[in-house]
Structure formats: C-alpha cells, structure tokens
Amino acid sequence: MQQRFDVYESDKKHIMHLLGERYKDNKAKFKSLFYRPSETPESVIARGGPKSMHVSEFVDMVTYWYSLKGKSISEKNKASRSNLIGAHALGRTSLANRRKELAAELGKEPTRLELYINSRTRKSKDNSLVDDYAISKKGKQIFLYIAGRYG
C-alpha cells in the first residue's frame, strides 16, 4: 500500500480497517451472486467469476464456500442471525454515533426511549418499526416512560 500511495503511519490502521470492510462486503456480494447450493464448485468456477477478481482468488473463494468448514461456519452464522431480537435500522452507524446525531437534531441529549425508537424506525416513507419485537418493546417502553415520568 505504501509503495503505491503516500500514507501517514497514523492513518494506516483506519485505512486497513476500511479495506477489510470493503473486502468482507465484496465477498458477501459475490457469494450471493455466484453460490448455488445445488451446484458443484466446478460448475460455479466454469461459469466464471466477477471481472474485478483474479481467477485464482475466485477459485479459492468458491472452494471455501463448498468445503465442510465453509458450510459449517455459514450454518452457524445463519443460526446466530436467526436468534437476534430487536434489530435496529442503523446499518453500520453505531448507537453512539446515532446518539450524537440525534442530540444535534434535537438540541438536547436524547432519552433512551427516543434513541430506541429512532434506531428501530425505517427511514422510508412509511417510518414503520423494524420488527414485531420493536413494536412490542416500543409499547412497553412508552408505557414505562410515561409511568415513570408522570406516575
């Protein structure tokens, strides 16, 4: 990296972190585009991979997807994701960063309830909550908030 670009040593860690994220995102995108459980690794490789990836890297990636280790890790991750409750709609934005943004918007430090509702609300035209858990939690939180404030 330093042979090709002028990079300050202090920025190197941040840049490597960003490159790692991009690499992970691309691997996930390529798996969704090219991996088919019903196919063999050979047929996937024969179809060809993305133009932006070297052939040997694509072969290594496909081989890993179809390996026992790759399949077991994938299944474990699917199971872990299915156990998540109360998903938020912030994407890669952390709750700490969203709290700062919300404080700037509101002109005051947001309450836990305001942050919860804001982080679980889709930013689309309907402004709906992310899932049933968030809806039930929202109702419960509002009740507890009102009861604590006025009770």
N, C-alpha and C. Protein backbone atom coordinates (compact mmCIF):
# COMPACT_ATOMS: atom_id res chain seq x y z
N MET A 1 0.83 -1.18 0.00
CA MET A 1 0.00 0.00 0.00
C MET A 1 0.88 1.25 0.00
N GLN A 2 1.91 1.27 0.81
CA GLN A 2 2.75 2.46 0.89
C GLN A 2 3.63 2.65 -0.34
N GLN A 3 3.84 1.58 -1.11
CA GLN A 3 4.60 1.72 -2.35
C GLN A 3 3.79 2.48 -3.39
N ARG A 4 2.49 2.37 -3.33
CA ARG A 4 1.64 2.97 -4.34
C ARG A 4 1.05 4.31 -3.90
N PHE A 5 0.86 4.48 -2.60
CA PHE A 5 0.21 5.69 -2.08
C PHE A 5 1.06 6.30 -0.97
N ASP A 6 0.96 7.60 -0.81
CA ASP A 6 1.57 8.27 0.33
C ASP A 6 0.58 8.20 1.48
N VAL A 7 0.90 7.38 2.48
CA VAL A 7 0.01 7.18 3.61
C VAL A 7 0.76 7.49 4.89
N TYR A 8 0.15 8.33 5.72
CA TYR A 8 0.74 8.60 7.02
C TYR A 8 0.59 7.36 7.89
N GLU A 9 1.57 7.11 8.70
CA GLU A 9 1.53 5.95 9.60
C GLU A 9 0.30 6.02 10.52
N SER A 10 -0.07 7.23 10.92
CA SER A 10 -1.22 7.40 11.82
C SER A 10 -2.55 7.02 11.14
N ASP A 11 -2.60 7.08 9.81
CA ASP A 11 -3.82 6.76 9.07
C ASP A 11 -3.89 5.30 8.63
N LYS A 12 -2.79 4.60 8.73
CA LYS A 12 -2.70 3.24 8.19
C LYS A 12 -3.73 2.29 8.82
N LYS A 13 -3.91 2.35 10.13
CA LYS A 13 -4.84 1.45 10.81
C LYS A 13 -6.27 1.68 10.31
N HIS A 14 -6.66 2.95 10.18
CA HIS A 14 -8.01 3.28 9.70
C HIS A 14 -8.21 2.81 8.26
N ILE A 15 -7.23 3.03 7.42
CA ILE A 15 -7.33 2.63 6.01
C ILE A 15 -7.43 1.11 5.89
N MET A 16 -6.63 0.40 6.67
CA MET A 16 -6.68 -1.06 6.64
C MET A 16 -8.04 -1.57 7.12
N HIS A 17 -8.62 -0.90 8.10
CA HIS A 17 -9.95 -1.26 8.59
C HIS A 17 -11.00 -1.09 7.48
N LEU A 18 -10.93 0.04 6.78
CA LEU A 18 -11.87 0.29 5.69
C LEU A 18 -11.71 -0.72 4.56
N LEU A 19 -10.47 -1.04 4.23
CA LEU A 19 -10.22 -2.03 3.18
C LEU A 19 -10.77 -3.40 3.60
N GLY A 20 -10.61 -3.75 4.86
CA GLY A 20 -11.14 -5.01 5.36
C GLY A 20 -12.65 -5.07 5.24
N GLU A 21 -13.32 -3.96 5.56
CA GLU A 21 -14.78 -3.90 5.44
C GLU A 21 -15.22 -4.07 3.99
N ARG A 22 -14.54 -3.38 3.09
CA ARG A 22 -14.87 -3.48 1.66
C ARG A 22 -14.67 -4.91 1.16
N TYR A 23 -13.58 -5.53 1.59
CA TYR A 23 -13.29 -6.91 1.19
C TYR A 23 -14.40 -7.84 1.69
N LYS A 24 -14.81 -7.68 2.94
CA LYS A 24 -15.87 -8.51 3.51
C LYS A 24 -17.19 -8.29 2.76
N ASP A 25 -17.51 -7.04 2.47
CA ASP A 25 -18.74 -6.73 1.73
C ASP A 25 -18.73 -7.38 0.35
N ASN A 26 -17.58 -7.29 -0.33
CA ASN A 26 -17.49 -7.88 -1.67
C ASN A 26 -17.61 -9.39 -1.62
N LYS A 27 -17.01 -10.03 -0.62
CA LYS A 27 -17.14 -11.49 -0.51
C LYS A 27 -18.61 -11.88 -0.34
N ALA A 28 -19.33 -11.15 0.50
CA ALA A 28 -20.74 -11.45 0.72
C ALA A 28 -21.55 -11.23 -0.56
N LYS A 29 -21.25 -10.15 -1.27
CA LYS A 29 -21.95 -9.87 -2.52
C LYS A 29 -21.68 -10.96 -3.56
N PHE A 30 -20.41 -11.37 -3.66
CA PHE A 30 -20.06 -12.40 -4.64
C PHE A 30 -20.70 -13.74 -4.28
N LYS A 31 -20.78 -14.05 -2.98
CA LYS A 31 -21.42 -15.31 -2.60
C LYS A 31 -22.89 -15.29 -2.97
N SER A 32 -23.56 -14.15 -2.75
CA SER A 32 -24.99 -14.08 -3.11
C SER A 32 -25.20 -14.17 -4.62
N LEU A 33 -24.21 -13.72 -5.39
CA LEU A 33 -24.34 -13.76 -6.85
C LEU A 33 -23.96 -15.10 -7.47
N PHE A 34 -22.96 -15.78 -6.89
CA PHE A 34 -22.39 -16.95 -7.55
C PHE A 34 -22.64 -18.28 -6.86
N TYR A 35 -22.88 -18.29 -5.56
CA TYR A 35 -23.04 -19.56 -4.83
C TYR A 35 -24.44 -20.12 -5.03
N ARG A 36 -24.50 -21.40 -5.43
CA ARG A 36 -25.75 -22.13 -5.55
C ARG A 36 -25.54 -23.47 -4.86
N PRO A 37 -26.27 -23.75 -3.77
CA PRO A 37 -26.05 -24.99 -3.03
C PRO A 37 -26.23 -26.25 -3.87
N SER A 38 -27.07 -26.17 -4.89
CA SER A 38 -27.34 -27.35 -5.71
C SER A 38 -26.24 -27.62 -6.74
N GLU A 39 -25.36 -26.67 -6.97
CA GLU A 39 -24.30 -26.83 -7.96
C GLU A 39 -23.02 -27.36 -7.32
N THR A 40 -22.12 -27.79 -8.17
CA THR A 40 -20.80 -28.21 -7.70
C THR A 40 -19.84 -27.03 -7.81
N PRO A 41 -18.76 -27.06 -7.05
CA PRO A 41 -17.78 -25.97 -7.16
C PRO A 41 -17.23 -25.85 -8.58
N GLU A 42 -17.05 -26.98 -9.25
CA GLU A 42 -16.50 -26.97 -10.61
C GLU A 42 -17.42 -26.22 -11.58
N SER A 43 -18.74 -26.42 -11.44
CA SER A 43 -19.66 -25.74 -12.35
C SER A 43 -19.70 -24.23 -12.07
N VAL A 44 -19.58 -23.86 -10.81
CA VAL A 44 -19.55 -22.43 -10.46
C VAL A 44 -18.30 -21.78 -11.03
N ILE A 45 -17.17 -22.47 -10.88
CA ILE A 45 -15.90 -21.95 -11.40
C ILE A 45 -15.95 -21.87 -12.92
N ALA A 46 -16.57 -22.87 -13.56
CA ALA A 46 -16.65 -22.89 -15.02
C ALA A 46 -17.49 -21.73 -15.55
N ARG A 47 -18.53 -21.33 -14.81
CA ARG A 47 -19.35 -20.19 -15.22
C ARG A 47 -18.55 -18.90 -15.21
N GLY A 48 -17.52 -18.86 -14.39
CA GLY A 48 -16.68 -17.66 -14.30
C GLY A 48 -17.13 -16.75 -13.18
N GLY A 49 -16.19 -15.99 -12.70
CA GLY A 49 -16.46 -15.10 -11.58
C GLY A 49 -16.52 -13.65 -12.00
N PRO A 50 -16.47 -12.77 -11.03
CA PRO A 50 -16.52 -11.34 -11.34
C PRO A 50 -15.26 -10.88 -12.07
N LYS A 51 -15.43 -9.94 -12.94
CA LYS A 51 -14.29 -9.41 -13.70
C LYS A 51 -13.29 -8.68 -12.81
N SER A 52 -13.77 -8.18 -11.68
CA SER A 52 -12.90 -7.42 -10.78
C SER A 52 -12.03 -8.31 -9.89
N MET A 53 -12.21 -9.63 -9.98
CA MET A 53 -11.47 -10.55 -9.12
C MET A 53 -10.58 -11.45 -9.96
N HIS A 54 -9.36 -11.66 -9.49
CA HIS A 54 -8.43 -12.56 -10.17
C HIS A 54 -8.98 -13.98 -10.11
N VAL A 55 -8.78 -14.75 -11.15
CA VAL A 55 -9.35 -16.10 -11.27
C VAL A 55 -8.92 -16.98 -10.09
N SER A 56 -7.65 -16.93 -9.70
CA SER A 56 -7.18 -17.78 -8.61
C SER A 56 -7.87 -17.43 -7.28
N GLU A 57 -8.16 -16.15 -7.06
CA GLU A 57 -8.88 -15.74 -5.84
C GLU A 57 -10.31 -16.27 -5.87
N PHE A 58 -10.95 -16.21 -7.06
CA PHE A 58 -12.30 -16.71 -7.19
C PHE A 58 -12.35 -18.22 -6.94
N VAL A 59 -11.40 -18.93 -7.49
CA VAL A 59 -11.34 -20.39 -7.28
C VAL A 59 -11.18 -20.70 -5.80
N ASP A 60 -10.30 -19.98 -5.11
CA ASP A 60 -10.11 -20.20 -3.67
C ASP A 60 -11.38 -19.91 -2.89
N MET A 61 -12.07 -18.84 -3.26
CA MET A 61 -13.29 -18.47 -2.56
C MET A 61 -14.39 -19.52 -2.78
N VAL A 62 -14.57 -19.96 -4.00
CA VAL A 62 -15.60 -20.97 -4.30
C VAL A 62 -15.27 -22.28 -3.60
N THR A 63 -14.02 -22.66 -3.61
CA THR A 63 -13.59 -23.89 -2.93
C THR A 63 -13.92 -23.81 -1.45
N TYR A 64 -13.69 -22.66 -0.84
CA TYR A 64 -14.01 -22.47 0.58
C TYR A 64 -15.51 -22.57 0.82
N TRP A 65 -16.33 -21.93 -0.04
CA TRP A 65 -17.78 -21.98 0.14
C TRP A 65 -18.30 -23.41 0.19
N TYR A 66 -17.74 -24.27 -0.64
CA TYR A 66 -18.24 -25.65 -0.74
C TYR A 66 -17.52 -26.61 0.20
N SER A 67 -16.51 -26.13 0.94
CA SER A 67 -15.80 -27.00 1.87
C SER A 67 -16.66 -27.25 3.11
N LEU A 68 -16.36 -28.31 3.84
CA LEU A 68 -17.10 -28.60 5.07
C LEU A 68 -16.95 -27.47 6.07
N LYS A 69 -15.74 -26.93 6.18
CA LYS A 69 -15.50 -25.84 7.12
C LYS A 69 -16.34 -24.61 6.74
N GLY A 70 -16.34 -24.25 5.46
CA GLY A 70 -17.10 -23.09 5.00
C GLY A 70 -18.59 -23.27 5.21
N LYS A 71 -19.09 -24.47 4.93
CA LYS A 71 -20.51 -24.74 5.10
C LYS A 71 -20.90 -24.72 6.58
N SER A 72 -20.07 -25.30 7.45
CA SER A 72 -20.40 -25.33 8.87
C SER A 72 -20.39 -23.93 9.48
N ILE A 73 -19.43 -23.10 9.09
CA ILE A 73 -19.39 -21.72 9.59
C ILE A 73 -20.60 -20.95 9.08
N SER A 74 -20.97 -21.16 7.83
CA SER A 74 -22.13 -20.48 7.26
C SER A 74 -23.41 -20.87 8.01
N GLU A 75 -23.57 -22.15 8.29
CA GLU A 75 -24.75 -22.61 9.03
C GLU A 75 -24.77 -22.04 10.45
N LYS A 76 -23.62 -22.02 11.09
CA LYS A 76 -23.53 -21.46 12.45
C LYS A 76 -23.91 -19.98 12.44
N ASN A 77 -23.44 -19.24 11.45
CA ASN A 77 -23.76 -17.81 11.35
C ASN A 77 -25.24 -17.59 11.06
N LYS A 78 -25.84 -18.44 10.23
CA LYS A 78 -27.28 -18.33 9.95
C LYS A 78 -28.08 -18.54 11.23
N ALA A 79 -27.68 -19.55 12.01
CA ALA A 79 -28.38 -19.83 13.27
C ALA A 79 -28.23 -18.66 14.24
N SER A 80 -27.06 -18.08 14.31
CA SER A 80 -26.83 -16.93 15.20
C SER A 80 -27.69 -15.74 14.78
N ARG A 81 -27.74 -15.48 13.47
CA ARG A 81 -28.55 -14.35 12.99
C ARG A 81 -30.04 -14.56 13.26
N SER A 82 -30.49 -15.81 13.21
CA SER A 82 -31.91 -16.07 13.45
C SER A 82 -32.29 -15.87 14.91
N ASN A 83 -31.30 -15.90 15.81
CA ASN A 83 -31.58 -15.70 17.23
C ASN A 83 -31.57 -14.24 17.65
N LEU A 84 -31.20 -13.35 16.75
CA LEU A 84 -31.16 -11.94 17.09
C LEU A 84 -32.57 -11.41 17.29
N ILE A 85 -32.73 -10.60 18.32
CA ILE A 85 -34.02 -9.96 18.55
C ILE A 85 -33.79 -8.45 18.64
N GLY A 86 -34.80 -7.71 18.28
CA GLY A 86 -34.71 -6.27 18.40
C GLY A 86 -33.70 -5.64 17.46
N ALA A 87 -33.76 -6.01 16.20
CA ALA A 87 -32.83 -5.46 15.22
C ALA A 87 -33.01 -3.95 15.11
N HIS A 88 -31.94 -3.27 14.76
CA HIS A 88 -32.05 -1.84 14.53
C HIS A 88 -31.92 -1.54 13.04
N ALA A 89 -32.23 -0.34 12.67
CA ALA A 89 -32.24 0.05 11.26
C ALA A 89 -31.15 1.07 10.97
N LEU A 90 -30.03 0.99 11.69
CA LEU A 90 -28.96 1.97 11.54
C LEU A 90 -27.89 1.55 10.55
N GLY A 91 -27.91 0.31 10.12
CA GLY A 91 -26.85 -0.17 9.24
C GLY A 91 -25.54 -0.19 9.99
N ARG A 92 -24.51 0.45 9.43
CA ARG A 92 -23.20 0.45 10.07
C ARG A 92 -23.02 1.57 11.08
N THR A 93 -23.99 2.44 11.21
CA THR A 93 -23.89 3.52 12.17
C THR A 93 -24.05 2.97 13.57
N SER A 94 -23.14 3.28 14.45
CA SER A 94 -23.22 2.79 15.83
C SER A 94 -24.27 3.60 16.59
N LEU A 95 -24.75 3.02 17.70
CA LEU A 95 -25.71 3.73 18.53
C LEU A 95 -25.09 4.99 19.11
N ALA A 96 -23.80 4.94 19.44
CA ALA A 96 -23.12 6.12 19.98
C ALA A 96 -23.11 7.26 18.96
N ASN A 97 -22.81 6.92 17.70
CA ASN A 97 -22.82 7.95 16.66
C ASN A 97 -24.22 8.47 16.40
N ARG A 98 -25.21 7.56 16.41
CA ARG A 98 -26.59 8.00 16.19
C ARG A 98 -27.05 8.89 17.34
N ARG A 99 -26.61 8.58 18.57
CA ARG A 99 -26.96 9.41 19.72
C ARG A 99 -26.44 10.84 19.53
N LYS A 100 -25.19 10.97 19.04
CA LYS A 100 -24.62 12.30 18.79
C LYS A 100 -25.41 13.04 17.71
N GLU A 101 -25.75 12.33 16.62
CA GLU A 101 -26.51 12.94 15.53
C GLU A 101 -27.88 13.40 16.03
N LEU A 102 -28.52 12.55 16.82
CA LEU A 102 -29.85 12.86 17.33
C LEU A 102 -29.79 14.03 18.31
N ALA A 103 -28.73 14.11 19.11
CA ALA A 103 -28.56 15.23 20.03
C ALA A 103 -28.44 16.54 19.25
N ALA A 104 -27.72 16.50 18.14
CA ALA A 104 -27.58 17.71 17.31
C ALA A 104 -28.93 18.09 16.69
N GLU A 105 -29.72 17.10 16.27
CA GLU A 105 -31.03 17.38 15.68
C GLU A 105 -32.01 17.93 16.70
N LEU A 106 -32.02 17.33 17.90
CA LEU A 106 -32.98 17.71 18.93
C LEU A 106 -32.55 18.92 19.73
N GLY A 107 -31.26 19.19 19.73
CA GLY A 107 -30.74 20.30 20.54
C GLY A 107 -30.59 19.94 22.00
N LYS A 108 -30.74 18.67 22.32
CA LYS A 108 -30.56 18.16 23.69
C LYS A 108 -30.17 16.70 23.60
N GLU A 109 -29.69 16.16 24.71
CA GLU A 109 -29.33 14.74 24.75
C GLU A 109 -30.60 13.91 24.64
N PRO A 110 -30.68 12.95 23.69
CA PRO A 110 -31.90 12.15 23.56
C PRO A 110 -32.06 11.19 24.73
N THR A 111 -33.32 10.93 25.08
CA THR A 111 -33.59 9.92 26.11
C THR A 111 -33.34 8.54 25.52
N ARG A 112 -33.30 7.55 26.37
CA ARG A 112 -33.12 6.17 25.90
C ARG A 112 -34.27 5.77 25.00
N LEU A 113 -35.47 6.21 25.34
CA LEU A 113 -36.65 5.89 24.53
C LEU A 113 -36.55 6.54 23.15
N GLU A 114 -36.17 7.81 23.09
CA GLU A 114 -36.03 8.50 21.81
C GLU A 114 -34.99 7.81 20.93
N LEU A 115 -33.88 7.42 21.52
CA LEU A 115 -32.83 6.72 20.77
C LEU A 115 -33.33 5.36 20.30
N TYR A 116 -34.04 4.65 21.17
CA TYR A 116 -34.56 3.32 20.81
C TYR A 116 -35.51 3.43 19.62
N ILE A 117 -36.47 4.32 19.71
CA ILE A 117 -37.47 4.46 18.64
C ILE A 117 -36.78 4.91 17.35
N ASN A 118 -35.88 5.87 17.45
CA ASN A 118 -35.19 6.37 16.27
C ASN A 118 -34.34 5.30 15.60
N SER A 119 -33.70 4.46 16.39
CA SER A 119 -32.82 3.44 15.82
C SER A 119 -33.58 2.23 15.28
N ARG A 120 -34.84 2.08 15.66
CA ARG A 120 -35.64 0.94 15.18
C ARG A 120 -36.68 1.36 14.16
N THR A 121 -36.64 2.58 13.68
CA THR A 121 -37.60 3.08 12.70
C THR A 121 -36.94 3.13 11.33
N ARG A 122 -37.63 2.56 10.35
CA ARG A 122 -37.11 2.60 8.98
C ARG A 122 -37.12 4.04 8.49
N LYS A 123 -36.14 4.38 7.71
CA LYS A 123 -36.05 5.75 7.21
C LYS A 123 -36.74 5.89 5.86
N SER A 124 -37.74 5.06 5.61
CA SER A 124 -38.50 5.11 4.36
C SER A 124 -39.71 6.02 4.54
N LYS A 125 -40.55 6.06 3.52
CA LYS A 125 -41.70 6.96 3.57
C LYS A 125 -42.73 6.59 4.63
N ASP A 126 -42.79 5.29 5.01
CA ASP A 126 -43.81 4.90 5.99
C ASP A 126 -43.34 4.99 7.43
N ASN A 127 -42.04 5.16 7.67
CA ASN A 127 -41.49 5.28 9.03
C ASN A 127 -41.97 4.18 9.96
N SER A 128 -42.07 2.94 9.45
CA SER A 128 -42.53 1.83 10.27
C SER A 128 -41.38 1.29 11.12
N LEU A 129 -41.75 0.60 12.18
CA LEU A 129 -40.74 -0.02 13.03
C LEU A 129 -40.21 -1.27 12.34
N VAL A 130 -39.01 -1.68 12.73
CA VAL A 130 -38.30 -2.74 12.03
C VAL A 130 -38.97 -4.11 12.15
N ASP A 131 -39.39 -4.50 13.35
CA ASP A 131 -39.96 -5.83 13.53
C ASP A 131 -40.99 -5.83 14.68
N ASP A 132 -41.66 -6.98 14.84
CA ASP A 132 -42.68 -7.10 15.88
C ASP A 132 -42.10 -6.90 17.27
N TYR A 133 -40.88 -7.36 17.48
CA TYR A 133 -40.24 -7.18 18.78
C TYR A 133 -40.09 -5.70 19.10
N ALA A 134 -39.66 -4.93 18.12
CA ALA A 134 -39.50 -3.49 18.33
C ALA A 134 -40.85 -2.84 18.62
N ILE A 135 -41.89 -3.32 17.94
CA ILE A 135 -43.23 -2.76 18.17
C ILE A 135 -43.68 -3.05 19.60
N SER A 136 -43.53 -4.29 20.05
CA SER A 136 -43.96 -4.62 21.40
C SER A 136 -43.08 -3.91 22.43
N LYS A 137 -41.81 -3.84 22.16
CA LYS A 137 -40.88 -3.17 23.07
C LYS A 137 -41.19 -1.68 23.12
N LYS A 138 -41.54 -1.12 21.96
CA LYS A 138 -41.87 0.31 21.90
C LYS A 138 -43.06 0.61 22.81
N GLY A 139 -44.10 -0.21 22.68
CA GLY A 139 -45.28 -0.01 23.51
C GLY A 139 -44.95 -0.11 24.99
N LYS A 140 -44.16 -1.09 25.33
CA LYS A 140 -43.77 -1.31 26.72
C LYS A 140 -42.91 -0.14 27.22
N GLN A 141 -41.97 0.29 26.39
CA GLN A 141 -41.08 1.39 26.77
C GLN A 141 -41.88 2.68 26.95
N ILE A 142 -42.82 2.93 26.04
CA ILE A 142 -43.62 4.15 26.15
C ILE A 142 -44.42 4.14 27.44
N PHE A 143 -45.01 2.99 27.75
CA PHE A 143 -45.78 2.87 28.98
C PHE A 143 -44.88 3.13 30.19
N LEU A 144 -43.71 2.48 30.21
CA LEU A 144 -42.81 2.66 31.35
C LEU A 144 -42.30 4.10 31.43
N TYR A 145 -42.06 4.70 30.27
CA TYR A 145 -41.59 6.08 30.23
C TYR A 145 -42.64 7.03 30.80
N ILE A 146 -43.87 6.87 30.34
CA ILE A 146 -44.96 7.73 30.81
C ILE A 146 -45.24 7.48 32.29
N ALA A 147 -45.26 6.20 32.68
CA ALA A 147 -45.50 5.85 34.07
C ALA A 147 -44.41 6.42 34.97
N GLY A 148 -43.16 6.35 34.52
CA GLY A 148 -42.07 6.88 35.33
C GLY A 148 -42.06 8.39 35.38
N ARG A 149 -42.47 9.02 34.31
CA ARG A 149 -42.43 10.48 34.24
C ARG A 149 -43.62 11.13 34.95
N TYR A 150 -44.79 10.51 34.78
CA TYR A 150 -45.99 11.13 35.33
C TYR A 150 -46.61 10.32 36.46
N GLY A 151 -46.03 9.13 36.75
CA GLY A 151 -46.64 8.23 37.73
C GLY A 151 -46.21 8.48 39.07
